[in-house]
Amino acid sequence: VVKDRKLFPPMIAHMIAVGEETGR
């Protein structure tokens, strides 16, 4: 969802993906 929003840089989507995978 974050990746699809052009307002946020790609790094934000990657960091959230790591958080979702680790449950943190």
mmCIF file of all heavy atoms, coordinates in Angstrom:
data_MODEL
# 
_entry.id   MODEL 
# 
loop_
_atom_site.group_PDB 
_atom_site.id 
_atom_site.type_symbol 
_atom_site.label_atom_id 
_atom_site.label_alt_id 
_atom_site.label_comp_id 
_atom_site.label_asym_id 
_atom_site.label_entity_id 
_atom_site.label_seq_id 
_atom_site.pdbx_PDB_ins_code 
_atom_site.Cartn_x 
_atom_site.Cartn_y 
_atom_site.Cartn_z 
_atom_site.occupancy 
_atom_site.B_iso_or_equiv 
_atom_site.pdbx_formal_charge 
_atom_site.auth_seq_id 
_atom_site.auth_comp_id 
_atom_site.auth_asym_id 
_atom_site.auth_atom_id 
_atom_site.pdbx_PDB_model_num 
ATOM 1   N N   . VAL A 1 1  ? 0.836  -1.203  0.000   1.00 0.00 ? 1  VAL A N   1 
ATOM 2   C CA  . VAL A 1 1  ? 0.000  0.000   0.000   1.00 0.00 ? 1  VAL A CA  1 
ATOM 3   C C   . VAL A 1 1  ? 0.870  1.252   0.000   1.00 0.00 ? 1  VAL A C   1 
ATOM 4   O O   . VAL A 1 1  ? 0.629  2.202   -0.754  1.00 0.00 ? 1  VAL A O   1 
ATOM 5   C CB  . VAL A 1 1  ? -0.937 0.001   1.237   1.00 0.00 ? 1  VAL A CB  1 
ATOM 6   C CG1 . VAL A 1 1  ? -1.689 1.316   1.327   1.00 0.00 ? 1  VAL A CG1 1 
ATOM 7   C CG2 . VAL A 1 1  ? -1.913 -1.158  1.163   1.00 0.00 ? 1  VAL A CG2 1 
ATOM 8   N N   . VAL A 1 2  ? 1.907  1.254   0.844   1.00 0.00 ? 2  VAL A N   1 
ATOM 9   C CA  . VAL A 1 2  ? 2.822  2.403   0.930   1.00 0.00 ? 2  VAL A CA  1 
ATOM 10  C C   . VAL A 1 2  ? 3.591  2.563   -0.381  1.00 0.00 ? 2  VAL A C   1 
ATOM 11  O O   . VAL A 1 2  ? 3.807  3.679   -0.863  1.00 0.00 ? 2  VAL A O   1 
ATOM 12  C CB  . VAL A 1 2  ? 3.794  2.228   2.121   1.00 0.00 ? 2  VAL A CB  1 
ATOM 13  C CG1 . VAL A 1 2  ? 4.880  3.295   2.090   1.00 0.00 ? 2  VAL A CG1 1 
ATOM 14  C CG2 . VAL A 1 2  ? 3.033  2.300   3.440   1.00 0.00 ? 2  VAL A CG2 1 
ATOM 15  N N   . LYS A 1 3  ? 4.001  1.434   -0.957  1.00 0.00 ? 3  LYS A N   1 
ATOM 16  C CA  . LYS A 1 3  ? 4.760  1.467   -2.216  1.00 0.00 ? 3  LYS A CA  1 
ATOM 17  C C   . LYS A 1 3  ? 3.953  2.094   -3.348  1.00 0.00 ? 3  LYS A C   1 
ATOM 18  O O   . LYS A 1 3  ? 4.499  2.770   -4.224  1.00 0.00 ? 3  LYS A O   1 
ATOM 19  C CB  . LYS A 1 3  ? 5.173  0.036   -2.593  1.00 0.00 ? 3  LYS A CB  1 
ATOM 20  C CG  . LYS A 1 3  ? 6.190  -0.034  -3.721  1.00 0.00 ? 3  LYS A CG  1 
ATOM 21  C CD  . LYS A 1 3  ? 6.620  -1.473  -3.948  1.00 0.00 ? 3  LYS A CD  1 
ATOM 22  C CE  . LYS A 1 3  ? 7.654  -1.548  -5.064  1.00 0.00 ? 3  LYS A CE  1 
ATOM 23  N NZ  . LYS A 1 3  ? 8.089  -2.953  -5.298  1.00 0.00 ? 3  LYS A NZ  1 
ATOM 24  N N   . ASP A 1 4  ? 2.634  1.876   -3.337  1.00 0.00 ? 4  ASP A N   1 
ATOM 25  C CA  . ASP A 1 4  ? 1.761  2.412   -4.389  1.00 0.00 ? 4  ASP A CA  1 
ATOM 26  C C   . ASP A 1 4  ? 1.531  3.914   -4.263  1.00 0.00 ? 4  ASP A C   1 
ATOM 27  O O   . ASP A 1 4  ? 1.076  4.555   -5.203  1.00 0.00 ? 4  ASP A O   1 
ATOM 28  C CB  . ASP A 1 4  ? 0.403  1.688   -4.374  1.00 0.00 ? 4  ASP A CB  1 
ATOM 29  C CG  . ASP A 1 4  ? 0.533  0.248   -4.853  1.00 0.00 ? 4  ASP A CG  1 
ATOM 30  O OD1 . ASP A 1 4  ? 1.532  -0.063  -5.536  1.00 0.00 ? 4  ASP A OD1 1 
ATOM 31  O OD2 . ASP A 1 4  ? -0.362 -0.559  -4.539  1.00 0.00 ? 4  ASP A OD2 1 
ATOM 32  N N   . ARG A 1 5  ? 1.811  4.456   -3.093  1.00 0.00 ? 5  ARG A N   1 
ATOM 33  C CA  . ARG A 1 5  ? 1.619  5.887   -2.883  1.00 0.00 ? 5  ARG A CA  1 
ATOM 34  C C   . ARG A 1 5  ? 2.902  6.629   -3.253  1.00 0.00 ? 5  ARG A C   1 
ATOM 35  O O   . ARG A 1 5  ? 3.941  6.430   -2.653  1.00 0.00 ? 5  ARG A O   1 
ATOM 36  C CB  . ARG A 1 5  ? 1.250  6.179   -1.416  1.00 0.00 ? 5  ARG A CB  1 
ATOM 37  C CG  . ARG A 1 5  ? 0.029  5.402   -0.947  1.00 0.00 ? 5  ARG A CG  1 
ATOM 38  C CD  . ARG A 1 5  ? -1.186 6.276   -0.850  1.00 0.00 ? 5  ARG A CD  1 
ATOM 39  N NE  . ARG A 1 5  ? -1.622 6.894   -2.071  1.00 0.00 ? 5  ARG A NE  1 
ATOM 40  C CZ  . ARG A 1 5  ? -2.386 6.290   -2.983  1.00 0.00 ? 5  ARG A CZ  1 
ATOM 41  N NH1 . ARG A 1 5  ? -2.763 5.052   -2.844  1.00 0.00 ? 5  ARG A NH1 1 
ATOM 42  N NH2 . ARG A 1 5  ? -2.758 6.942   -4.065  1.00 0.00 ? 5  ARG A NH2 1 
ATOM 43  N N   . LYS A 1 6  ? 2.840  7.488   -4.253  1.00 0.00 ? 6  LYS A N   1 
ATOM 44  C CA  . LYS A 1 6  ? 4.017  8.196   -4.736  1.00 0.00 ? 6  LYS A CA  1 
ATOM 45  C C   . LYS A 1 6  ? 4.539  9.212   -3.719  1.00 0.00 ? 6  LYS A C   1 
ATOM 46  O O   . LYS A 1 6  ? 5.630  9.758   -3.885  1.00 0.00 ? 6  LYS A O   1 
ATOM 47  C CB  . LYS A 1 6  ? 3.692  8.892   -6.051  1.00 0.00 ? 6  LYS A CB  1 
ATOM 48  C CG  . LYS A 1 6  ? 3.381  7.923   -7.193  1.00 0.00 ? 6  LYS A CG  1 
ATOM 49  C CD  . LYS A 1 6  ? 3.072  8.667   -8.477  1.00 0.00 ? 6  LYS A CD  1 
ATOM 50  C CE  . LYS A 1 6  ? 2.750  7.687   -9.602  1.00 0.00 ? 6  LYS A CE  1 
ATOM 51  N NZ  . LYS A 1 6  ? 2.421  8.388   -10.870 1.00 0.00 ? 6  LYS A NZ  1 
ATOM 52  N N   . LEU A 1 7  ? 3.746  9.473   -2.710  1.00 0.00 ? 7  LEU A N   1 
ATOM 53  C CA  . LEU A 1 7  ? 4.136  10.466  -1.708  1.00 0.00 ? 7  LEU A CA  1 
ATOM 54  C C   . LEU A 1 7  ? 5.324  9.996   -0.877  1.00 0.00 ? 7  LEU A C   1 
ATOM 55  O O   . LEU A 1 7  ? 6.079  10.794  -0.341  1.00 0.00 ? 7  LEU A O   1 
ATOM 56  C CB  . LEU A 1 7  ? 2.938  10.756  -0.789  1.00 0.00 ? 7  LEU A CB  1 
ATOM 57  C CG  . LEU A 1 7  ? 3.077  11.911  0.186   1.00 0.00 ? 7  LEU A CG  1 
ATOM 58  C CD1 . LEU A 1 7  ? 3.071  13.242  -0.556  1.00 0.00 ? 7  LEU A CD1 1 
ATOM 59  C CD2 . LEU A 1 7  ? 1.945  11.898  1.203   1.00 0.00 ? 7  LEU A CD2 1 
ATOM 60  N N   . PHE A 1 8  ? 5.509  8.669   -0.754  1.00 0.00 ? 8  PHE A N   1 
ATOM 61  C CA  . PHE A 1 8  ? 6.544  8.112   0.108   1.00 0.00 ? 8  PHE A CA  1 
ATOM 62  C C   . PHE A 1 8  ? 7.701  7.558   -0.718  1.00 0.00 ? 8  PHE A C   1 
ATOM 63  O O   . PHE A 1 8  ? 7.481  6.928   -1.753  1.00 0.00 ? 8  PHE A O   1 
ATOM 64  C CB  . PHE A 1 8  ? 5.971  6.998   0.982   1.00 0.00 ? 8  PHE A CB  1 
ATOM 65  C CG  . PHE A 1 8  ? 4.723  7.379   1.721   1.00 0.00 ? 8  PHE A CG  1 
ATOM 66  C CD1 . PHE A 1 8  ? 3.488  6.860   1.366   1.00 0.00 ? 8  PHE A CD1 1 
ATOM 67  C CD2 . PHE A 1 8  ? 4.781  8.279   2.763   1.00 0.00 ? 8  PHE A CD2 1 
ATOM 68  C CE1 . PHE A 1 8  ? 2.342  7.216   2.035   1.00 0.00 ? 8  PHE A CE1 1 
ATOM 69  C CE2 . PHE A 1 8  ? 3.633  8.660   3.447   1.00 0.00 ? 8  PHE A CE2 1 
ATOM 70  C CZ  . PHE A 1 8  ? 2.416  8.128   3.088   1.00 0.00 ? 8  PHE A CZ  1 
ATOM 71  N N   . PRO A 1 9  ? 8.944  7.738   -0.249  1.00 0.00 ? 9  PRO A N   1 
ATOM 72  C CA  . PRO A 1 9  ? 10.092 7.159   -0.960  1.00 0.00 ? 9  PRO A CA  1 
ATOM 73  C C   . PRO A 1 9  ? 10.091 5.625   -0.846  1.00 0.00 ? 9  PRO A C   1 
ATOM 74  O O   . PRO A 1 9  ? 9.538  5.075   0.113   1.00 0.00 ? 9  PRO A O   1 
ATOM 75  C CB  . PRO A 1 9  ? 11.302 7.770   -0.233  1.00 0.00 ? 9  PRO A CB  1 
ATOM 76  C CG  . PRO A 1 9  ? 10.790 8.198   1.100   1.00 0.00 ? 9  PRO A CG  1 
ATOM 77  C CD  . PRO A 1 9  ? 9.353  8.547   0.909   1.00 0.00 ? 9  PRO A CD  1 
ATOM 78  N N   . PRO A 1 10 ? 10.698 4.892   -1.805  1.00 0.00 ? 10 PRO A N   1 
ATOM 79  C CA  . PRO A 1 10 ? 10.700 3.422   -1.795  1.00 0.00 ? 10 PRO A CA  1 
ATOM 80  C C   . PRO A 1 10 ? 11.263 2.817   -0.511  1.00 0.00 ? 10 PRO A C   1 
ATOM 81  O O   . PRO A 1 10 ? 10.850 1.737   -0.099  1.00 0.00 ? 10 PRO A O   1 
ATOM 82  C CB  . PRO A 1 10 ? 11.570 3.067   -3.010  1.00 0.00 ? 10 PRO A CB  1 
ATOM 83  C CG  . PRO A 1 10 ? 11.499 4.263   -3.898  1.00 0.00 ? 10 PRO A CG  1 
ATOM 84  C CD  . PRO A 1 10 ? 11.367 5.441   -2.990  1.00 0.00 ? 10 PRO A CD  1 
ATOM 85  N N   . MET A 1 11 ? 12.218 3.530   0.115   1.00 0.00 ? 11 MET A N   1 
ATOM 86  C CA  . MET A 1 11 ? 12.829 3.010   1.326   1.00 0.00 ? 11 MET A CA  1 
ATOM 87  C C   . MET A 1 11 ? 11.799 2.742   2.421   1.00 0.00 ? 11 MET A C   1 
ATOM 88  O O   . MET A 1 11 ? 11.920 1.780   3.195   1.00 0.00 ? 11 MET A O   1 
ATOM 89  C CB  . MET A 1 11 ? 13.876 4.013   1.832   1.00 0.00 ? 11 MET A CB  1 
ATOM 90  C CG  . MET A 1 11 ? 14.612 3.569   3.093   1.00 0.00 ? 11 MET A CG  1 
ATOM 91  S SD  . MET A 1 11 ? 15.375 4.936   3.951   1.00 0.00 ? 11 MET A SD  1 
ATOM 92  C CE  . MET A 1 11 ? 13.955 5.771   4.627   1.00 0.00 ? 11 MET A CE  1 
ATOM 93  N N   . ILE A 1 12 ? 10.767 3.588   2.499   1.00 0.00 ? 12 ILE A N   1 
ATOM 94  C CA  . ILE A 1 12 ? 9.739  3.431   3.530   1.00 0.00 ? 12 ILE A CA  1 
ATOM 95  C C   . ILE A 1 12 ? 9.017  2.099   3.362   1.00 0.00 ? 12 ILE A C   1 
ATOM 96  O O   . ILE A 1 12 ? 8.794  1.361   4.333   1.00 0.00 ? 12 ILE A O   1 
ATOM 97  C CB  . ILE A 1 12 ? 8.727  4.602   3.470   1.00 0.00 ? 12 ILE A CB  1 
ATOM 98  C CG1 . ILE A 1 12 ? 9.438  5.946   3.622   1.00 0.00 ? 12 ILE A CG1 1 
ATOM 99  C CG2 . ILE A 1 12 ? 7.654  4.435   4.536   1.00 0.00 ? 12 ILE A CG2 1 
ATOM 100 C CD1 . ILE A 1 12 ? 10.156 6.133   4.914   1.00 0.00 ? 12 ILE A CD1 1 
ATOM 101 N N   . ALA A 1 13 ? 8.656  1.763   2.115   1.00 0.00 ? 13 ALA A N   1 
ATOM 102 C CA  . ALA A 1 13 ? 7.969  0.491   1.842   1.00 0.00 ? 13 ALA A CA  1 
ATOM 103 C C   . ALA A 1 13 ? 8.845  -0.693  2.223   1.00 0.00 ? 13 ALA A C   1 
ATOM 104 O O   . ALA A 1 13 ? 8.364  -1.680  2.796   1.00 0.00 ? 13 ALA A O   1 
ATOM 105 C CB  . ALA A 1 13 ? 7.586  0.416   0.366   1.00 0.00 ? 13 ALA A CB  1 
ATOM 106 N N   . HIS A 1 14 ? 10.145 -0.622  1.943   1.00 0.00 ? 14 HIS A N   1 
ATOM 107 C CA  . HIS A 1 14 ? 11.063 -1.715  2.276   1.00 0.00 ? 14 HIS A CA  1 
ATOM 108 C C   . HIS A 1 14 ? 11.182 -1.897  3.793   1.00 0.00 ? 14 HIS A C   1 
ATOM 109 O O   . HIS A 1 14 ? 11.188 -3.028  4.297   1.00 0.00 ? 14 HIS A O   1 
ATOM 110 C CB  . HIS A 1 14 ? 12.443 -1.454  1.671   1.00 0.00 ? 14 HIS A CB  1 
ATOM 111 C CG  . HIS A 1 14 ? 12.466 -1.495  0.170   1.00 0.00 ? 14 HIS A CG  1 
ATOM 112 N ND1 . HIS A 1 14 ? 11.940 -2.544  -0.557  1.00 0.00 ? 14 HIS A ND1 1 
ATOM 113 C CD2 . HIS A 1 14 ? 12.951 -0.619  -0.746  1.00 0.00 ? 14 HIS A CD2 1 
ATOM 114 C CE1 . HIS A 1 14 ? 12.094 -2.318  -1.848  1.00 0.00 ? 14 HIS A CE1 1 
ATOM 115 N NE2 . HIS A 1 14 ? 12.698 -1.141  -1.991  1.00 0.00 ? 14 HIS A NE2 1 
ATOM 116 N N   . MET A 1 15 ? 11.269 -0.782  4.522   1.00 0.00 ? 15 MET A N   1 
ATOM 117 C CA  . MET A 1 15 ? 11.386 -0.859  5.981   1.00 0.00 ? 15 MET A CA  1 
ATOM 118 C C   . MET A 1 15 ? 10.122 -1.446  6.597   1.00 0.00 ? 15 MET A C   1 
ATOM 119 O O   . MET A 1 15 ? 10.188 -2.265  7.521   1.00 0.00 ? 15 MET A O   1 
ATOM 120 C CB  . MET A 1 15 ? 11.669 0.534   6.556   1.00 0.00 ? 15 MET A CB  1 
ATOM 121 C CG  . MET A 1 15 ? 13.045 1.076   6.206   1.00 0.00 ? 15 MET A CG  1 
ATOM 122 S SD  . MET A 1 15 ? 13.360 2.733   6.863   1.00 0.00 ? 15 MET A SD  1 
ATOM 123 C CE  . MET A 1 15 ? 13.558 2.374   8.610   1.00 0.00 ? 15 MET A CE  1 
ATOM 124 N N   . ILE A 1 16 ? 8.952  -1.045  6.079   1.00 0.00 ? 16 ILE A N   1 
ATOM 125 C CA  . ILE A 1 16 ? 7.691  -1.585  6.598   1.00 0.00 ? 16 ILE A CA  1 
ATOM 126 C C   . ILE A 1 16 ? 7.580  -3.066  6.270   1.00 0.00 ? 16 ILE A C   1 
ATOM 127 O O   . ILE A 1 16 ? 7.083  -3.864  7.080   1.00 0.00 ? 16 ILE A O   1 
ATOM 128 C CB  . ILE A 1 16 ? 6.495  -0.794  6.024   1.00 0.00 ? 16 ILE A CB  1 
ATOM 129 C CG1 . ILE A 1 16 ? 6.484  0.631   6.601   1.00 0.00 ? 16 ILE A CG1 1 
ATOM 130 C CG2 . ILE A 1 16 ? 5.171  -1.488  6.355   1.00 0.00 ? 16 ILE A CG2 1 
ATOM 131 C CD1 . ILE A 1 16 ? 5.428  1.528   6.022   1.00 0.00 ? 16 ILE A CD1 1 
ATOM 132 N N   . ALA A 1 17 ? 8.061  -3.475  5.077   1.00 0.00 ? 17 ALA A N   1 
ATOM 133 C CA  . ALA A 1 17 ? 8.042  -4.895  4.698   1.00 0.00 ? 17 ALA A CA  1 
ATOM 134 C C   . ALA A 1 17 ? 8.861  -5.725  5.673   1.00 0.00 ? 17 ALA A C   1 
ATOM 135 O O   . ALA A 1 17 ? 8.438  -6.818  6.100   1.00 0.00 ? 17 ALA A O   1 
ATOM 136 C CB  . ALA A 1 17 ? 8.583  -5.059  3.274   1.00 0.00 ? 17 ALA A CB  1 
ATOM 137 N N   . VAL A 1 18 ? 10.024 -5.205  6.062   1.00 0.00 ? 18 VAL A N   1 
ATOM 138 C CA  . VAL A 1 18 ? 10.863 -5.893  7.054   1.00 0.00 ? 18 VAL A CA  1 
ATOM 139 C C   . VAL A 1 18 ? 10.132 -5.985  8.388   1.00 0.00 ? 18 VAL A C   1 
ATOM 140 O O   . VAL A 1 18 ? 10.147 -7.030  9.057   1.00 0.00 ? 18 VAL A O   1 
ATOM 141 C CB  . VAL A 1 18 ? 12.211 -5.159  7.227   1.00 0.00 ? 18 VAL A CB  1 
ATOM 142 C CG1 . VAL A 1 18 ? 13.000 -5.743  8.394   1.00 0.00 ? 18 VAL A CG1 1 
ATOM 143 C CG2 . VAL A 1 18 ? 13.034 -5.226  5.952   1.00 0.00 ? 18 VAL A CG2 1 
ATOM 144 N N   . GLY A 1 19 ? 9.462  -4.911  8.777   1.00 0.00 ? 19 GLY A N   1 
ATOM 145 C CA  . GLY A 1 19 ? 8.710  -4.904  10.031  1.00 0.00 ? 19 GLY A CA  1 
ATOM 146 C C   . GLY A 1 19 ? 7.573  -5.915  10.018  1.00 0.00 ? 19 GLY A C   1 
ATOM 147 O O   . GLY A 1 19 ? 7.321  -6.600  11.023  1.00 0.00 ? 19 GLY A O   1 
ATOM 148 N N   . GLU A 1 20 ? 6.877  -6.035  8.887   1.00 0.00 ? 20 GLU A N   1 
ATOM 149 C CA  . GLU A 1 20 ? 5.777  -6.997  8.783   1.00 0.00 ? 20 GLU A CA  1 
ATOM 150 C C   . GLU A 1 20 ? 6.287  -8.435  8.810   1.00 0.00 ? 20 GLU A C   1 
ATOM 151 O O   . GLU A 1 20 ? 5.668  -9.316  9.409   1.00 0.00 ? 20 GLU A O   1 
ATOM 152 C CB  . GLU A 1 20 ? 4.988  -6.743  7.497   1.00 0.00 ? 20 GLU A CB  1 
ATOM 153 C CG  . GLU A 1 20 ? 4.160  -5.462  7.541   1.00 0.00 ? 20 GLU A CG  1 
ATOM 154 C CD  . GLU A 1 20 ? 3.380  -5.205  6.266   1.00 0.00 ? 20 GLU A CD  1 
ATOM 155 O OE1 . GLU A 1 20 ? 3.938  -5.424  5.171   1.00 0.00 ? 20 GLU A OE1 1 
ATOM 156 O OE2 . GLU A 1 20 ? 2.219  -4.772  6.359   1.00 0.00 ? 20 GLU A OE2 1 
ATOM 157 N N   . GLU A 1 21 ? 7.428  -8.685  8.182   1.00 0.00 ? 21 GLU A N   1 
ATOM 158 C CA  . GLU A 1 21 ? 7.992  -10.034 8.157   1.00 0.00 ? 21 GLU A CA  1 
ATOM 159 C C   . GLU A 1 21 ? 8.486  -10.480 9.533   1.00 0.00 ? 21 GLU A C   1 
ATOM 160 O O   . GLU A 1 21 ? 8.403  -11.660 9.884   1.00 0.00 ? 21 GLU A O   1 
ATOM 161 C CB  . GLU A 1 21 ? 9.146  -10.094 7.153   1.00 0.00 ? 21 GLU A CB  1 
ATOM 162 C CG  . GLU A 1 21 ? 8.695  -10.008 5.697   1.00 0.00 ? 21 GLU A CG  1 
ATOM 163 C CD  . GLU A 1 21 ? 9.859  -9.842  4.741   1.00 0.00 ? 21 GLU A CD  1 
ATOM 164 O OE1 . GLU A 1 21 ? 11.021 -9.907  5.214   1.00 0.00 ? 21 GLU A OE1 1 
ATOM 165 O OE2 . GLU A 1 21 ? 9.620  -9.647  3.539   1.00 0.00 ? 21 GLU A OE2 1 
ATOM 166 N N   . THR A 1 22 ? 8.981  -9.541  10.302  1.00 0.00 ? 22 THR A N   1 
ATOM 167 C CA  . THR A 1 22 ? 9.520  -9.866  11.632  1.00 0.00 ? 22 THR A CA  1 
ATOM 168 C C   . THR A 1 22 ? 8.500  -9.681  12.747  1.00 0.00 ? 22 THR A C   1 
ATOM 169 O O   . THR A 1 22 ? 8.797  -9.973  13.910  1.00 0.00 ? 22 THR A O   1 
ATOM 170 C CB  . THR A 1 22 ? 10.758 -8.990  11.924  1.00 0.00 ? 22 THR A CB  1 
ATOM 171 O OG1 . THR A 1 22 ? 10.378 -7.601  11.855  1.00 0.00 ? 22 THR A OG1 1 
ATOM 172 C CG2 . THR A 1 22 ? 11.869 -9.271  10.926  1.00 0.00 ? 22 THR A CG2 1 
ATOM 173 N N   . GLY A 1 23 ? 7.304  -9.161  12.406  1.00 0.00 ? 23 GLY A N   1 
ATOM 174 C CA  . GLY A 1 23 ? 6.288  -8.914  13.430  1.00 0.00 ? 23 GLY A CA  1 
ATOM 175 C C   . GLY A 1 23 ? 6.600  -7.727  14.313  1.00 0.00 ? 23 GLY A C   1 
ATOM 176 O O   . GLY A 1 23 ? 6.106  -7.640  15.442  1.00 0.00 ? 23 GLY A O   1 
ATOM 177 N N   . ARG A 1 24 ? 7.413  -6.790  13.804  1.00 0.00 ? 24 ARG A N   1 
ATOM 178 C CA  . ARG A 1 24 ? 7.809  -5.622  14.606  1.00 0.00 ? 24 ARG A CA  1 
ATOM 179 C C   . ARG A 1 24 ? 7.536  -4.336  13.811  1.00 0.00 ? 24 ARG A C   1 
ATOM 180 O O   . ARG A 1 24 ? 8.378  -3.462  13.696  1.00 0.00 ? 24 ARG A O   1 
ATOM 181 C CB  . ARG A 1 24 ? 9.285  -5.714  14.968  1.00 0.00 ? 24 ARG A CB  1 
ATOM 182 C CG  . ARG A 1 24 ? 9.595  -6.938  15.826  1.00 0.00 ? 24 ARG A CG  1 
ATOM 183 C CD  . ARG A 1 24 ? 11.067 -7.298  15.799  1.00 0.00 ? 24 ARG A CD  1 
ATOM 184 N NE  . ARG A 1 24 ? 11.901 -6.272  16.381  1.00 0.00 ? 24 ARG A NE  1 
ATOM 185 C CZ  . ARG A 1 24 ? 13.246 -6.328  16.381  1.00 0.00 ? 24 ARG A CZ  1 
ATOM 186 N NH1 . ARG A 1 24 ? 13.851 -7.351  15.824  1.00 0.00 ? 24 ARG A NH1 1 
ATOM 187 N NH2 . ARG A 1 24 ? 13.945 -5.364  16.942  1.00 0.00 ? 24 ARG A NH2 1 
# 
